[in-house]
Amino acid sequence: MNMGIPIRQNMLMESIPAESRARASAADSVSWNVFWAISMFFSGAWIREYGYGFCLVVTFSCYLVASILYYWFFRGHRKIESRR
């Protein structure tokens, strides 16, 4: 997860025009933190109910699906040239 954040941030900044980057970065940060908080709520309940094994399988499955989708969506990504 931590290795992918700089790559994701770089792709975000390269594909968005300069005048929209601050807003996009803020929206990215807010969405990351909101979903992080929601996931902590559910994972705490799942750990209490099913133990750590279940959570690790769910986490692995989510990472696998996310990796496949990331590749699928961005396989033809090209850097957008800025107009000056």
PDB file of N, CA and C in Angstrom:
ATOM      1  N   MET A   1       0.817  -1.181   0.000  1.00  0.00           N
ATOM      2  CA  MET A   1       0.000   0.000   0.000  1.00  0.00           C
ATOM      3  C   MET A   1       0.866   1.252   0.000  1.00  0.00           C
ATOM      4  N   ASN A   2       1.844   1.312   0.859  1.00  0.00           N
ATOM      5  CA  ASN A   2       2.663   2.515   0.949  1.00  0.00           C
ATOM      6  C   ASN A   2       3.547   2.713  -0.274  1.00  0.00           C
ATOM      7  N   MET A   3       3.913   1.640  -0.957  1.00  0.00           N
ATOM      8  CA  MET A   3       4.714   1.790  -2.170  1.00  0.00           C
ATOM      9  C   MET A   3       3.874   2.321  -3.321  1.00  0.00           C
ATOM     10  N   GLY A   4       2.585   2.054  -3.319  1.00  0.00           N
ATOM     11  CA  GLY A   4       1.727   2.471  -4.413  1.00  0.00           C
ATOM     12  C   GLY A   4       1.263   3.909  -4.327  1.00  0.00           C
ATOM     13  N   ILE A   5       1.310   4.503  -3.140  1.00  0.00           N
ATOM     14  CA  ILE A   5       0.808   5.870  -2.969  1.00  0.00           C
ATOM     15  C   ILE A   5       1.569   6.884  -3.828  1.00  0.00           C
ATOM     16  N   PRO A   6       2.915   6.881  -3.849  1.00  0.00           N
ATOM     17  CA  PRO A   6       3.608   7.844  -4.714  1.00  0.00           C
ATOM     18  C   PRO A   6       3.306   7.645  -6.199  1.00  0.00           C
ATOM     19  N   ILE A   7       3.151   6.409  -6.618  1.00  0.00           N
ATOM     20  CA  ILE A   7       2.826   6.135  -8.022  1.00  0.00           C
ATOM     21  C   ILE A   7       1.447   6.681  -8.353  1.00  0.00           C
ATOM     22  N   ARG A   8       0.489   6.417  -7.472  1.00  0.00           N
ATOM     23  CA  ARG A   8      -0.876   6.893  -7.677  1.00  0.00           C
ATOM     24  C   ARG A   8      -0.914   8.420  -7.686  1.00  0.00           C
ATOM     25  N   GLN A   9      -0.209   9.039  -6.756  1.00  0.00           N
ATOM     26  CA  GLN A   9      -0.186  10.502  -6.677  1.00  0.00           C
ATOM     27  C   GLN A   9       0.464  11.107  -7.928  1.00  0.00           C
ATOM     28  N   ASN A  10       1.531  10.490  -8.398  1.00  0.00           N
ATOM     29  CA  ASN A  10       2.199  10.978  -9.603  1.00  0.00           C
ATOM     30  C   ASN A  10       1.292  10.863 -10.818  1.00  0.00           C
ATOM     31  N   MET A  11       0.606   9.744 -10.970  1.00  0.00           N
ATOM     32  CA  MET A  11      -0.324   9.576 -12.086  1.00  0.00           C
ATOM     33  C   MET A  11      -1.448  10.594 -12.009  1.00  0.00           C
ATOM     34  N   LEU A  12      -1.938  10.848 -10.799  1.00  0.00           N
ATOM     35  CA  LEU A  12      -3.003  11.825 -10.622  1.00  0.00           C
ATOM     36  C   LEU A  12      -2.554  13.212 -11.062  1.00  0.00           C
ATOM     37  N   MET A  13      -1.375  13.612 -10.620  1.00  0.00           N
ATOM     38  CA  MET A  13      -0.879  14.953 -10.940  1.00  0.00           C
ATOM     39  C   MET A  13      -0.517  15.099 -12.418  1.00  0.00           C
ATOM     40  N   GLU A  14      -0.052  14.030 -13.045  1.00  0.00           N
ATOM     41  CA  GLU A  14       0.292  14.102 -14.470  1.00  0.00           C
ATOM     42  C   GLU A  14      -0.937  14.165 -15.361  1.00  0.00           C
ATOM     43  N   SER A  15      -2.029  13.567 -14.929  1.00  0.00           N
ATOM     44  CA  SER A  15      -3.196  13.486 -15.804  1.00  0.00           C
ATOM     45  C   SER A  15      -4.213  14.601 -15.568  1.00  0.00           C
ATOM     46  N   ILE A  16      -3.922  15.510 -14.659  1.00  0.00           N
ATOM     47  CA  ILE A  16      -4.845  16.612 -14.356  1.00  0.00           C
ATOM     48  C   ILE A  16      -4.167  17.933 -14.705  1.00  0.00           C
ATOM     49  N   PRO A  17      -4.889  18.847 -15.331  1.00  0.00           N
ATOM     50  CA  PRO A  17      -4.299  20.158 -15.653  1.00  0.00           C
ATOM     51  C   PRO A  17      -3.818  20.882 -14.395  1.00  0.00           C
ATOM     52  N   ALA A  18      -2.808  21.717 -14.546  1.00  0.00           N
ATOM     53  CA  ALA A  18      -2.160  22.376 -13.404  1.00  0.00           C
ATOM     54  C   ALA A  18      -3.139  23.179 -12.560  1.00  0.00           C
ATOM     55  N   GLU A  19      -4.107  23.831 -13.180  1.00  0.00           N
ATOM     56  CA  GLU A  19      -5.022  24.667 -12.409  1.00  0.00           C
ATOM     57  C   GLU A  19      -6.006  23.858 -11.553  1.00  0.00           C
ATOM     58  N   SER A  20      -6.133  22.562 -11.805  1.00  0.00           N
ATOM     59  CA  SER A  20      -7.055  21.712 -11.040  1.00  0.00           C
ATOM     60  C   SER A  20      -6.336  20.792 -10.061  1.00  0.00           C
ATOM     61  N   ARG A  21      -5.029  20.826 -10.020  1.00  0.00           N
ATOM     62  CA  ARG A  21      -4.279  19.876  -9.205  1.00  0.00           C
ATOM     63  C   ARG A  21      -4.515  20.034  -7.707  1.00  0.00           C
ATOM     64  N   ALA A  22      -4.624  21.254  -7.220  1.00  0.00           N
ATOM     65  CA  ALA A  22      -4.839  21.461  -5.778  1.00  0.00           C
ATOM     66  C   ALA A  22      -6.175  20.860  -5.353  1.00  0.00           C
ATOM     67  N   ARG A  23      -7.221  21.125  -6.126  1.00  0.00           N
ATOM     68  CA  ARG A  23      -8.535  20.567  -5.815  1.00  0.00           C
ATOM     69  C   ARG A  23      -8.535  19.047  -5.893  1.00  0.00           C
ATOM     70  N   ALA A  24      -7.875  18.511  -6.902  1.00  0.00           N
ATOM     71  CA  ALA A  24      -7.819  17.061  -7.067  1.00  0.00           C
ATOM     72  C   ALA A  24      -7.049  16.417  -5.927  1.00  0.00           C
ATOM     73  N   SER A  25      -5.963  17.030  -5.518  1.00  0.00           N
ATOM     74  CA  SER A  25      -5.175  16.499  -4.408  1.00  0.00           C
ATOM     75  C   SER A  25      -5.974  16.533  -3.107  1.00  0.00           C
ATOM     76  N   ALA A  26      -6.712  17.615  -2.882  1.00  0.00           N
ATOM     77  CA  ALA A  26      -7.543  17.715  -1.685  1.00  0.00           C
ATOM     78  C   ALA A  26      -8.653  16.668  -1.699  1.00  0.00           C
ATOM     79  N   ALA A  27      -9.309  16.490  -2.839  1.00  0.00           N
ATOM     80  CA  ALA A  27     -10.375  15.486  -2.949  1.00  0.00           C
ATOM     81  C   ALA A  27      -9.815  14.085  -2.737  1.00  0.00           C
ATOM     82  N   ASP A  28      -8.632  13.834  -3.269  1.00  0.00           N
ATOM     83  CA  ASP A  28      -7.976  12.546  -3.090  1.00  0.00           C
ATOM     84  C   ASP A  28      -7.676  12.293  -1.620  1.00  0.00           C
ATOM     85  N   SER A  29      -7.163  13.299  -0.937  1.00  0.00           N
ATOM     86  CA  SER A  29      -6.828  13.164   0.477  1.00  0.00           C
ATOM     87  C   SER A  29      -8.067  12.951   1.339  1.00  0.00           C
ATOM     88  N   VAL A  30      -9.113  13.718   1.069  1.00  0.00           N
ATOM     89  CA  VAL A  30     -10.347  13.577   1.841  1.00  0.00           C
ATOM     90  C   VAL A  30     -10.959  12.198   1.629  1.00  0.00           C
ATOM     91  N   SER A  31     -11.040  11.764   0.376  1.00  0.00           N
ATOM     92  CA  SER A  31     -11.636  10.448   0.114  1.00  0.00           C
ATOM     93  C   SER A  31     -10.813   9.339   0.746  1.00  0.00           C
ATOM     94  N   TRP A  32      -9.487   9.453   0.693  1.00  0.00           N
ATOM     95  CA  TRP A  32      -8.627   8.450   1.322  1.00  0.00           C
ATOM     96  C   TRP A  32      -8.917   8.357   2.819  1.00  0.00           C
ATOM     97  N   ASN A  33      -8.965   9.494   3.502  1.00  0.00           N
ATOM     98  CA  ASN A  33      -9.163   9.489   4.947  1.00  0.00           C
ATOM     99  C   ASN A  33     -10.567   9.050   5.353  1.00  0.00           C
ATOM    100  N   VAL A  34     -11.581   9.433   4.585  1.00  0.00           N
ATOM    101  CA  VAL A  34     -12.952   9.012   4.897  1.00  0.00           C
ATOM    102  C   VAL A  34     -13.085   7.498   4.749  1.00  0.00           C
ATOM    103  N   PHE A  35     -12.584   6.955   3.653  1.00  0.00           N
ATOM    104  CA  PHE A  35     -12.702   5.513   3.460  1.00  0.00           C
ATOM    105  C   PHE A  35     -11.805   4.740   4.416  1.00  0.00           C
ATOM    106  N   TRP A  36     -10.703   5.334   4.835  1.00  0.00           N
ATOM    107  CA  TRP A  36      -9.841   4.703   5.839  1.00  0.00           C
ATOM    108  C   TRP A  36     -10.619   4.576   7.157  1.00  0.00           C
ATOM    109  N   ALA A  37     -11.313   5.622   7.556  1.00  0.00           N
ATOM    110  CA  ALA A  37     -12.096   5.600   8.794  1.00  0.00           C
ATOM    111  C   ALA A  37     -13.232   4.577   8.707  1.00  0.00           C
ATOM    112  N   ILE A  38     -13.909   4.518   7.575  1.00  0.00           N
ATOM    113  CA  ILE A  38     -14.993   3.547   7.399  1.00  0.00           C
ATOM    114  C   ILE A  38     -14.449   2.126   7.462  1.00  0.00           C
ATOM    115  N   SER A  39     -13.319   1.893   6.833  1.00  0.00           N
ATOM    116  CA  SER A  39     -12.745   0.540   6.840  1.00  0.00           C
ATOM    117  C   SER A  39     -12.306   0.128   8.241  1.00  0.00           C
ATOM    118  N   MET A  40     -11.833   1.070   9.048  1.00  0.00           N
ATOM    119  CA  MET A  40     -11.448   0.742  10.425  1.00  0.00           C
ATOM    120  C   MET A  40     -12.655   0.316  11.245  1.00  0.00           C
ATOM    121  N   PHE A  41     -13.790   0.950  11.026  1.00  0.00           N
ATOM    122  CA  PHE A  41     -15.011   0.584  11.727  1.00  0.00           C
ATOM    123  C   PHE A  41     -15.393  -0.864  11.412  1.00  0.00           C
ATOM    124  N   PHE A  42     -15.425  -1.200  10.129  1.00  0.00           N
ATOM    125  CA  PHE A  42     -15.827  -2.549   9.734  1.00  0.00           C
ATOM    126  C   PHE A  42     -14.775  -3.596  10.100  1.00  0.00           C
ATOM    127  N   SER A  43     -13.504  -3.269   9.911  1.00  0.00           N
ATOM    128  CA  SER A  43     -12.476  -4.272  10.207  1.00  0.00           C
ATOM    129  C   SER A  43     -12.427  -4.584  11.699  1.00  0.00           C
ATOM    130  N   GLY A  44     -12.656  -3.588  12.559  1.00  0.00           N
ATOM    131  CA  GLY A  44     -12.703  -3.856  13.996  1.00  0.00           C
ATOM    132  C   GLY A  44     -13.818  -4.821  14.357  1.00  0.00           C
ATOM    133  N   ALA A  45     -14.971  -4.625  13.741  1.00  0.00           N
ATOM    134  CA  ALA A  45     -16.096  -5.532  13.994  1.00  0.00           C
ATOM    135  C   ALA A  45     -15.803  -6.934  13.458  1.00  0.00           C
ATOM    136  N   TRP A  46     -15.190  -7.001  12.284  1.00  0.00           N
ATOM    137  CA  TRP A  46     -14.868  -8.314  11.709  1.00  0.00           C
ATOM    138  C   TRP A  46     -13.817  -9.044  12.526  1.00  0.00           C
ATOM    139  N   ILE A  47     -12.805  -8.326  13.014  1.00  0.00           N
ATOM    140  CA  ILE A  47     -11.773  -8.968  13.843  1.00  0.00           C
ATOM    141  C   ILE A  47     -12.406  -9.505  15.114  1.00  0.00           C
ATOM    142  N   ARG A  48     -13.273  -8.726  15.727  1.00  0.00           N
ATOM    143  CA  ARG A  48     -13.931  -9.173  16.955  1.00  0.00           C
ATOM    144  C   ARG A  48     -14.799 -10.402  16.690  1.00  0.00           C
ATOM    145  N   GLU A  49     -15.489 -10.420  15.548  1.00  0.00           N
ATOM    146  CA  GLU A  49     -16.429 -11.503  15.261  1.00  0.00           C
ATOM    147  C   GLU A  49     -15.765 -12.763  14.689  1.00  0.00           C
ATOM    148  N   TYR A  50     -14.828 -12.589  13.739  1.00  0.00           N
ATOM    149  CA  TYR A  50     -14.279 -13.729  13.001  1.00  0.00           C
ATOM    150  C   TYR A  50     -12.793 -13.975  13.220  1.00  0.00           C
ATOM    151  N   GLY A  51     -12.074 -13.049  13.818  1.00  0.00           N
ATOM    152  CA  GLY A  51     -10.639 -13.195  14.009  1.00  0.00           C
ATOM    153  C   GLY A  51      -9.851 -12.580  12.862  1.00  0.00           C
ATOM    154  N   TYR A  52      -8.530 -12.649  12.985  1.00  0.00           N
ATOM    155  CA  TYR A  52      -7.649 -11.997  12.014  1.00  0.00           C
ATOM    156  C   TYR A  52      -7.576 -12.719  10.668  1.00  0.00           C
ATOM    157  N   GLY A  53      -7.737 -14.019  10.658  1.00  0.00           N
ATOM    158  CA  GLY A  53      -7.624 -14.790   9.414  1.00  0.00           C
ATOM    159  C   GLY A  53      -8.597 -14.312   8.351  1.00  0.00           C
ATOM    160  N   PHE A  54      -9.838 -14.114   8.753  1.00  0.00           N
ATOM    161  CA  PHE A  54     -10.861 -13.643   7.823  1.00  0.00           C
ATOM    162  C   PHE A  54     -10.482 -12.289   7.238  1.00  0.00           C
ATOM    163  N   CYS A  55     -10.008 -11.386   8.112  1.00  0.00           N
ATOM    164  CA  CYS A  55      -9.629 -10.042   7.645  1.00  0.00           C
ATOM    165  C   CYS A  55      -8.457 -10.095   6.671  1.00  0.00           C
ATOM    166  N   LEU A  56      -7.514 -10.982   6.900  1.00  0.00           N
ATOM    167  CA  LEU A  56      -6.377 -11.094   5.993  1.00  0.00           C
ATOM    168  C   LEU A  56      -6.802 -11.617   4.622  1.00  0.00           C
ATOM    169  N   VAL A  57      -7.733 -12.552   4.591  1.00  0.00           N
ATOM    170  CA  VAL A  57      -8.238 -13.064   3.313  1.00  0.00           C
ATOM    171  C   VAL A  57      -8.994 -11.970   2.566  1.00  0.00           C
ATOM    172  N   VAL A  58      -9.822 -11.211   3.283  1.00  0.00           N
ATOM    173  CA  VAL A  58     -10.556 -10.106   2.657  1.00  0.00           C
ATOM    174  C   VAL A  58      -9.578  -9.061   2.126  1.00  0.00           C
ATOM    175  N   THR A  59      -8.556  -8.729   2.916  1.00  0.00           N
ATOM    176  CA  THR A  59      -7.560  -7.744   2.500  1.00  0.00           C
ATOM    177  C   THR A  59      -6.815  -8.207   1.257  1.00  0.00           C
ATOM    178  N   PHE A  60      -6.372  -9.457   1.255  1.00  0.00           N
ATOM    179  CA  PHE A  60      -5.680  -9.998   0.086  1.00  0.00           C
ATOM    180  C   PHE A  60      -6.573  -9.938  -1.145  1.00  0.00           C
ATOM    181  N   SER A  61      -7.839 -10.308  -0.979  1.00  0.00           N
ATOM    182  CA  SER A  61      -8.766 -10.294  -2.114  1.00  0.00           C
ATOM    183  C   SER A  61      -8.966  -8.883  -2.650  1.00  0.00           C
ATOM    184  N   CYS A  62      -9.101  -7.918  -1.754  1.00  0.00           N
ATOM    185  CA  CYS A  62      -9.270  -6.518  -2.185  1.00  0.00           C
ATOM    186  C   CYS A  62      -8.041  -6.012  -2.923  1.00  0.00           C
ATOM    187  N   TYR A  63      -6.853  -6.327  -2.408  1.00  0.00           N
ATOM    188  CA  TYR A  63      -5.623  -5.898  -3.084  1.00  0.00           C
ATOM    189  C   TYR A  63      -5.490  -6.548  -4.459  1.00  0.00           C
ATOM    190  N   LEU A  64      -5.841  -7.807  -4.567  1.00  0.00           N
ATOM    191  CA  LEU A  64      -5.761  -8.501  -5.848  1.00  0.00           C
ATOM    192  C   LEU A  64      -6.716  -7.880  -6.858  1.00  0.00           C
ATOM    193  N   VAL A  65      -7.958  -7.661  -6.464  1.00  0.00           N
ATOM    194  CA  VAL A  65      -8.941  -7.056  -7.360  1.00  0.00           C
ATOM    195  C   VAL A  65      -8.512  -5.637  -7.738  1.00  0.00           C
ATOM    196  N   ALA A  66      -8.038  -4.858  -6.767  1.00  0.00           N
ATOM    197  CA  ALA A  66      -7.598  -3.484  -7.048  1.00  0.00           C
ATOM    198  C   ALA A  66      -6.419  -3.472  -8.015  1.00  0.00           C
ATOM    199  N   SER A  67      -5.483  -4.386  -7.851  1.00  0.00           N
ATOM    200  CA  SER A  67      -4.332  -4.443  -8.749  1.00  0.00           C
ATOM    201  C   SER A  67      -4.746  -4.776 -10.180  1.00  0.00           C
ATOM    202  N   ILE A  68      -5.644  -5.715 -10.311  1.00  0.00           N
ATOM    203  CA  ILE A  68      -6.133  -6.094 -11.640  1.00  0.00           C
ATOM    204  C   ILE A  68      -6.883  -4.936 -12.282  1.00  0.00           C
ATOM    205  N   LEU A  69      -7.756  -4.281 -11.517  1.00  0.00           N
ATOM    206  CA  LEU A  69      -8.507  -3.146 -12.056  1.00  0.00           C
ATOM    207  C   LEU A  69      -7.590  -1.987 -12.406  1.00  0.00           C
ATOM    208  N   TYR A  70      -6.589  -1.722 -11.573  1.00  0.00           N
ATOM    209  CA  TYR A  70      -5.633  -0.640 -11.853  1.00  0.00           C
ATOM    210  C   TYR A  70      -4.925  -0.886 -13.180  1.00  0.00           C
ATOM    211  N   TYR A  71      -4.478  -2.115 -13.367  1.00  0.00           N
ATOM    212  CA  TYR A  71      -3.827  -2.457 -14.627  1.00  0.00           C
ATOM    213  C   TYR A  71      -4.808  -2.301 -15.790  1.00  0.00           C
ATOM    214  N   TRP A  72      -6.018  -2.809 -15.610  1.00  0.00           N
ATOM    215  CA  TRP A  72      -7.010  -2.791 -16.672  1.00  0.00           C
ATOM    216  C   TRP A  72      -7.365  -1.357 -17.074  1.00  0.00           C
ATOM    217  N   PHE A  73      -7.581  -0.476 -16.101  1.00  0.00           N
ATOM    218  CA  PHE A  73      -7.995   0.891 -16.393  1.00  0.00           C
ATOM    219  C   PHE A  73      -6.870   1.750 -16.957  1.00  0.00           C
ATOM    220  N   PHE A  74      -5.637   1.525 -16.517  1.00  0.00           N
ATOM    221  CA  PHE A  74      -4.548   2.423 -16.878  1.00  0.00           C
ATOM    222  C   PHE A  74      -3.516   1.815 -17.822  1.00  0.00           C
ATOM    223  N   ARG A  75      -3.821   0.696 -18.430  1.00  0.00           N
ATOM    224  CA  ARG A  75      -2.844   0.056 -19.304  1.00  0.00           C
ATOM    225  C   ARG A  75      -2.523   0.902 -20.528  1.00  0.00           C
ATOM    226  N   GLY A  76      -3.445   1.750 -20.981  1.00  0.00           N
ATOM    227  CA  GLY A  76      -3.198   2.593 -22.138  1.00  0.00           C
ATOM    228  C   GLY A  76      -2.966   4.043 -21.758  1.00  0.00           C
ATOM    229  N   HIS A  77      -2.664   4.294 -20.504  1.00  0.00           N
ATOM    230  CA  HIS A  77      -2.491   5.667 -20.008  1.00  0.00           C
ATOM    231  C   HIS A  77      -1.299   6.336 -20.671  1.00  0.00           C
ATOM    232  N   ARG A  78      -1.521   7.542 -21.101  1.00  0.00           N
ATOM    233  CA  ARG A  78      -0.439   8.349 -21.659  1.00  0.00           C
ATOM    234  C   ARG A  78      -0.448   9.684 -20.954  1.00  0.00           C
ATOM    235  N   LYS A  79       0.721  10.250 -20.818  1.00  0.00           N
ATOM    236  CA  LYS A  79       0.842  11.543 -20.147  1.00  0.00           C
ATOM    237  C   LYS A  79       0.161  12.610 -20.998  1.00  0.00           C
ATOM    238  N   ILE A  80      -0.675  13.411 -20.370  1.00  0.00           N
ATOM    239  CA  ILE A  80      -1.350  14.507 -21.055  1.00  0.00           C
ATOM    240  C   ILE A  80      -0.413  15.708 -21.060  1.00  0.00           C
ATOM    241  N   GLU A  81      -0.114  16.185 -22.231  1.00  0.00           N
ATOM    242  CA  GLU A  81       0.786  17.333 -22.357  1.00  0.00           C
ATOM    243  C   GLU A  81       0.044  18.599 -21.941  1.00  0.00           C
ATOM    244  N   SER A  82       0.691  19.389 -21.132  1.00  0.00           N
ATOM    245  CA  SER A  82       0.060  20.645 -20.710  1.00  0.00           C
ATOM    246  C   SER A  82       0.184  21.690 -21.809  1.00  0.00           C
ATOM    247  N   ARG A  83      -0.833  22.497 -21.917  1.00  0.00           N
ATOM    248  CA  ARG A  83      -0.845  23.558 -22.932  1.00  0.00           C
ATOM    249  C   ARG A  83      -0.397  24.849 -22.277  1.00  0.00           C
ATOM    250  N   ARG A  84       0.678  25.423 -22.742  1.00  0.00           N
ATOM    251  CA  ARG A  84       1.189  26.663 -22.152  1.00  0.00           C
ATOM    252  C   ARG A  84       1.061  27.799 -23.094  1.00  0.00           C
TER     253      ARG A  84
END
